[in-house]
Amino acid sequence: MPDIGVCIEPFYPGASFEDKLAQISKLGFTSYEFWFHNKTFTGNSMIDEMKDFSQIARLNKKYGLRTNDFVLNHPDGAIVAALIDRRDTQKIVDALPDMIAKAKTIGCKKFISGSGNVIAGMQEEEAYDAMVDSLKVIGKICAESDMEIILEPFNTRVDHPDYFLDNPQKAVDVLKAVGNDHVKLLFDIYHMQIMYGNILDFVKENLQYIGHFHIAGVPGRKEPIDNELNYPFIIKKIEEMGYTGSFGLEYWPTGDSSASLAKTKKHLLS
């Protein structure tokens, strides 16, 4: 049976971190992820709020949960730094010991890393070269601590028009150039369906480079039910390919969070 996890940020707006974990635990989920260590999404906006990782460790034990991943660097939070900007590489390196210590405290072994937004005047080849060099340095440090970087492309047609990395094949090319098994791809099926489609063929060809999946309905980023993608079929086929990791639910519920998650879980496991 596939591991279906929950990205808790879009769910239970206004609830505390503990309340969110308590609710997903009641629904039978055993893994989850969150966005930023230093910000919280309220349902309407992002606010500055430093998470207590010692508390998260206690909550994970209390509710029998596992933190699959959280964000290392992103344009909107965590370490606000871009992989494509060489000026930011040292900023990430300097912050890594603290971020790794936070992850170890809660038993988490994966960081999400973002390319950053397009930089005016920078040529595409220059940006990709910088990303490769940044990930070589960052990935080496993470590998030494048995941590994994998962690089996430976004869609630039609907949700993230300023983001640089929107091509999954280019992302795989970057990973091949980095050459580190601790640096992989976060394949967000919602984002990549919008950009390129051909989901299962791409996954089959590149599964060895994929470290995690995100799921949401297309279009609208709502429940992955009654949408243009047959998610139960997709998940079944990916598992048949040999994937044993988690599929993270990262979507905007159309109603009550618990009702939405329960319905989605039942649908995906049907």
Protein backbone atom coordinates (compact mmCIF):
# COMPACT_ATOMS: atom_id res chain seq x y z
CA MET A 1 0.00 0.00 0.00
CA PRO A 2 1.44 3.41 -0.94
CA ASP A 3 2.39 5.92 1.72
CA ILE A 4 0.11 8.92 1.29
CA GLY A 5 1.41 11.86 3.28
CA VAL A 6 0.05 15.35 3.95
CA CYS A 7 1.67 18.72 3.38
CA ILE A 8 -0.02 20.32 6.37
CA GLU A 9 0.25 24.00 5.36
CA PRO A 10 -2.89 24.26 3.16
CA PHE A 11 -5.06 22.35 5.64
CA TYR A 12 -6.81 23.42 8.86
CA PRO A 13 -6.23 27.16 8.39
CA GLY A 14 -5.66 28.93 11.68
CA ALA A 15 -5.05 25.71 13.62
CA SER A 16 -1.88 25.17 15.62
CA PHE A 17 0.87 22.86 14.40
CA GLU A 18 -0.14 20.30 17.04
CA ASP A 19 -3.80 20.47 16.12
CA LYS A 20 -2.94 19.79 12.47
CA LEU A 21 -0.85 16.76 13.41
CA ALA A 22 -3.56 15.48 15.74
CA GLN A 23 -6.15 15.73 12.96
CA ILE A 24 -4.13 13.94 10.28
CA SER A 25 -3.18 11.24 12.78
CA LYS A 26 -6.88 10.63 13.49
CA LEU A 27 -7.39 10.11 9.77
CA GLY A 28 -4.72 7.39 9.70
CA PHE A 29 -1.91 9.31 7.99
CA THR A 30 1.57 8.45 9.25
CA SER A 31 3.78 10.92 7.34
CA TYR A 32 3.62 14.62 6.66
CA GLU A 33 5.65 17.58 5.50
CA PHE A 34 5.63 21.31 6.03
CA TRP A 35 6.97 24.30 4.16
CA PHE A 36 9.19 26.59 6.21
CA HIS A 37 10.95 26.37 9.56
CA ASN A 38 10.54 30.12 10.06
CA LYS A 39 7.12 30.91 8.60
CA THR A 40 3.54 29.67 8.90
CA PHE A 41 0.79 29.83 6.31
CA THR A 42 -2.43 31.06 7.92
CA GLY A 43 -4.71 30.24 5.03
CA ASN A 44 -4.49 33.81 3.72
CA SER A 45 -0.90 34.89 4.14
CA MET A 46 2.54 33.84 5.30
CA ILE A 47 3.56 35.07 8.77
CA ASP A 48 6.94 34.97 10.49
CA GLU A 49 6.90 32.20 13.09
CA MET A 50 9.86 30.08 14.14
CA LYS A 51 8.93 26.43 14.64
CA ASP A 52 10.00 24.62 17.82
CA PHE A 53 11.75 21.49 16.60
CA SER A 54 12.02 19.94 20.05
CA GLN A 55 8.25 20.23 20.30
CA ILE A 56 7.82 18.75 16.82
CA ALA A 57 9.94 15.76 17.87
CA ARG A 58 7.65 15.21 20.87
CA LEU A 59 4.54 15.57 18.73
CA ASN A 60 5.84 13.11 16.16
CA LYS A 61 6.31 10.55 18.93
CA LYS A 62 2.95 11.38 20.52
CA TYR A 63 0.98 10.95 17.30
CA GLY A 64 3.08 8.26 15.64
CA LEU A 65 4.05 10.51 12.74
CA ARG A 66 7.10 10.96 10.54
CA THR A 67 8.25 14.26 9.03
CA ASN A 68 9.11 13.41 5.43
CA ASP A 69 10.63 16.77 4.45
CA PHE A 70 10.61 20.54 4.81
CA VAL A 71 12.04 23.41 2.79
CA LEU A 72 15.72 24.34 2.86
CA ASN A 73 15.65 27.34 0.51
CA HIS A 74 12.88 29.07 -1.42
CA PRO A 75 12.06 32.57 -2.70
CA ASP A 76 9.27 32.93 -0.10
CA GLY A 77 10.73 31.49 3.09
CA ALA A 78 13.22 29.25 4.89
CA ILE A 79 16.68 30.34 3.64
CA VAL A 80 15.71 32.97 1.09
CA ALA A 81 18.37 32.04 -1.43
CA ALA A 82 18.51 30.88 -5.04
CA LEU A 83 20.51 27.95 -6.40
CA ILE A 84 20.98 29.86 -9.64
CA ASP A 85 22.62 32.82 -7.88
CA ARG A 86 26.24 32.10 -7.01
CA ARG A 87 26.14 34.91 -4.45
CA ASP A 88 23.66 32.82 -2.43
CA THR A 89 25.58 29.54 -2.32
CA GLN A 90 27.64 30.47 0.73
CA LYS A 91 24.50 31.75 2.48
CA ILE A 92 22.98 28.28 2.16
CA VAL A 93 26.22 26.57 3.19
CA ASP A 94 26.52 28.75 6.29
CA ALA A 95 22.94 27.92 7.32
CA LEU A 96 23.18 24.19 6.63
CA PRO A 97 24.59 23.03 10.01
CA ASP A 98 21.64 24.57 11.85
CA MET A 99 19.12 23.29 9.30
CA ILE A 100 20.60 19.78 9.45
CA ALA A 101 20.48 19.87 13.25
CA LYS A 102 16.79 20.86 13.08
CA ALA A 103 16.05 18.01 10.68
CA LYS A 104 17.91 15.48 12.82
CA THR A 105 15.96 16.59 15.90
CA ILE A 106 12.69 15.54 14.27
CA GLY A 107 14.02 12.51 12.40
CA CYS A 108 13.62 14.15 8.99
CA LYS A 109 16.02 13.16 6.20
CA LYS A 110 14.94 15.33 3.25
CA PHE A 111 15.12 19.03 2.37
CA ILE A 112 13.18 20.62 -0.46
CA SER A 113 15.33 23.01 -2.47
CA GLY A 114 14.11 25.63 -4.94
CA SER A 115 15.99 27.01 -7.91
CA GLY A 116 14.95 30.58 -7.15
CA ASN A 117 13.27 33.10 -9.41
CA VAL A 118 14.51 34.29 -12.79
CA ILE A 119 17.32 36.84 -12.51
CA ALA A 120 17.11 39.66 -15.03
CA GLY A 121 19.95 39.58 -17.54
CA MET A 122 21.13 36.09 -16.61
CA GLN A 123 21.40 33.64 -19.48
CA GLU A 124 19.69 30.26 -19.04
CA GLU A 125 22.95 28.32 -19.44
CA GLU A 126 24.61 30.47 -16.78
CA ALA A 127 21.72 29.79 -14.38
CA TYR A 128 21.87 26.03 -14.91
CA ASP A 129 25.65 26.00 -14.44
CA ALA A 130 25.27 27.87 -11.16
CA MET A 131 22.57 25.45 -10.01
CA VAL A 132 24.82 22.47 -10.71
CA ASP A 133 27.74 24.02 -8.83
CA SER A 134 25.53 25.02 -5.88
CA LEU A 135 24.02 21.55 -5.59
CA LYS A 136 27.45 19.91 -5.77
CA VAL A 137 28.55 21.89 -2.71
CA ILE A 138 25.29 21.67 -0.78
CA GLY A 139 24.71 18.04 -1.72
CA LYS A 140 28.15 16.98 -0.51
CA ILE A 141 27.49 18.51 2.92
CA CYS A 142 24.06 16.90 3.11
CA ALA A 143 25.39 13.50 2.04
CA GLU A 144 27.93 13.61 4.86
CA SER A 145 25.00 13.93 7.28
CA ASP A 146 22.85 11.36 5.45
CA MET A 147 20.43 14.08 4.35
CA GLU A 148 18.83 14.30 0.91
CA ILE A 149 18.11 17.37 -1.21
CA ILE A 150 15.01 17.14 -3.40
CA LEU A 151 14.99 19.76 -6.14
CA GLU A 152 11.52 20.99 -7.11
CA PRO A 153 10.47 22.39 -10.49
CA PHE A 154 7.24 24.47 -10.45
CA ASN A 155 4.78 25.40 -13.15
CA THR A 156 5.24 28.93 -14.50
CA ARG A 157 1.96 29.02 -16.42
CA VAL A 158 -0.44 29.29 -13.47
CA ASP A 159 1.16 29.51 -10.02
CA HIS A 160 4.79 30.65 -10.15
CA PRO A 161 5.40 32.87 -13.21
CA ASP A 162 8.73 34.21 -11.90
CA TYR A 163 10.26 30.86 -10.96
CA PHE A 164 13.26 29.65 -12.97
CA LEU A 165 13.09 25.84 -12.98
CA ASP A 166 9.91 24.67 -14.71
CA ASN A 167 11.26 21.84 -16.86
CA PRO A 168 11.58 18.36 -15.30
CA GLN A 169 13.99 17.09 -17.96
CA LYS A 170 16.28 20.06 -17.36
CA ALA A 171 16.09 19.25 -13.65
CA VAL A 172 17.17 15.67 -14.34
CA ASP A 173 20.02 16.99 -16.50
CA VAL A 174 21.13 19.05 -13.51
CA LEU A 175 21.01 16.00 -11.25
CA LYS A 176 23.06 13.97 -13.72
CA ALA A 177 25.67 16.73 -13.77
CA VAL A 178 25.72 16.91 -9.96
CA GLY A 179 26.24 13.15 -9.72
CA ASN A 180 25.22 12.72 -6.08
CA ASP A 181 22.65 10.12 -5.01
CA HIS A 182 21.68 12.43 -2.15
CA VAL A 183 20.44 15.06 -4.62
CA LYS A 184 17.18 14.06 -6.30
CA LEU A 185 14.01 15.41 -7.87
CA LEU A 186 10.76 16.34 -6.19
CA PHE A 187 8.31 15.54 -8.98
CA ASP A 188 5.13 17.53 -8.33
CA ILE A 189 2.60 15.84 -10.62
CA TYR A 190 0.29 18.86 -10.54
CA HIS A 191 3.02 21.28 -11.62
CA MET A 192 4.45 19.00 -14.26
CA GLN A 193 1.09 18.05 -15.76
CA ILE A 194 0.49 21.77 -16.36
CA MET A 195 3.91 22.24 -17.95
CA TYR A 196 4.54 19.06 -19.94
CA GLY A 197 2.18 16.17 -19.18
CA ASN A 198 3.40 12.70 -20.22
CA ILE A 199 3.66 11.92 -16.51
CA LEU A 200 4.13 8.15 -16.44
CA ASP A 201 6.54 7.95 -19.34
CA PHE A 202 8.72 10.61 -17.75
CA VAL A 203 8.64 8.88 -14.35
CA LYS A 204 9.46 5.49 -15.89
CA GLU A 205 12.49 6.92 -17.67
CA ASN A 206 13.74 8.93 -14.70
CA LEU A 207 12.57 7.13 -11.56
CA GLN A 208 16.11 6.67 -10.27
CA TYR A 209 16.38 10.45 -9.94
CA ILE A 210 13.05 10.99 -8.15
CA GLY A 211 13.01 11.26 -4.36
CA HIS A 212 9.44 12.38 -3.68
CA PHE A 213 6.09 13.15 -5.33
CA HIS A 214 3.48 15.83 -4.72
CA ILE A 215 -0.17 15.43 -5.69
CA ALA A 216 -3.01 17.88 -6.47
CA GLY A 217 -5.93 17.97 -8.86
CA VAL A 218 -5.52 19.53 -12.30
CA PRO A 219 -6.79 22.14 -12.96
CA GLY A 220 -7.35 24.19 -9.82
CA ARG A 221 -4.95 22.54 -7.36
CA LYS A 222 -7.90 21.10 -5.46
CA GLU A 223 -8.64 17.53 -4.38
CA PRO A 224 -7.07 15.00 -6.80
CA ILE A 225 -10.55 13.64 -7.51
CA ASP A 226 -12.70 14.31 -10.59
CA ASN A 227 -9.83 15.99 -12.39
CA GLU A 228 -7.92 15.35 -15.61
CA LEU A 229 -5.51 12.90 -13.96
CA ASN A 230 -6.35 9.36 -12.87
CA TYR A 231 -4.34 9.43 -9.65
CA PRO A 232 -5.14 5.92 -8.37
CA PHE A 233 -3.85 4.56 -11.68
CA ILE A 234 -0.79 6.84 -11.64
CA ILE A 235 0.16 5.84 -8.08
CA LYS A 236 -0.32 2.14 -8.85
CA LYS A 237 1.89 2.34 -11.94
CA ILE A 238 4.63 4.31 -10.14
CA GLU A 239 4.70 1.72 -7.37
CA GLU A 240 4.91 -1.04 -9.97
CA MET A 241 8.00 0.74 -11.33
CA GLY A 242 9.64 0.21 -7.93
CA TYR A 243 9.03 3.48 -6.09
CA THR A 244 8.73 2.95 -2.33
CA GLY A 245 8.63 6.54 -1.07
CA SER A 246 5.80 8.88 -0.14
CA PHE A 247 3.20 10.74 -2.18
CA GLY A 248 2.53 14.09 -0.50
CA LEU A 249 -0.91 15.72 -0.73
CA GLU A 250 -0.31 19.40 -1.45
CA TYR A 251 -3.61 20.91 -2.53
CA TRP A 252 -6.25 23.44 -1.47
CA PRO A 253 -9.25 21.68 0.08
CA THR A 254 -12.59 22.86 -1.22
CA GLY A 255 -14.29 22.42 2.16
CA ASP A 256 -13.58 20.98 5.59
CA SER A 257 -9.97 19.78 5.73
CA SER A 258 -10.65 16.47 7.48
CA ALA A 259 -13.52 15.59 5.17
CA SER A 260 -11.41 16.47 2.14
CA LEU A 261 -8.39 14.45 3.29
CA ALA A 262 -10.50 11.43 4.25
CA LYS A 263 -12.25 11.45 0.87
CA THR A 264 -8.97 11.89 -0.98
CA LYS A 265 -7.22 9.12 0.91
CA LYS A 266 -10.09 6.72 0.22
CA HIS A 267 -10.06 7.66 -3.48
CA LEU A 268 -6.29 7.24 -3.91
CA LEU A 269 -6.23 3.87 -2.16
CA SER A 270 -9.27 2.50 -3.96
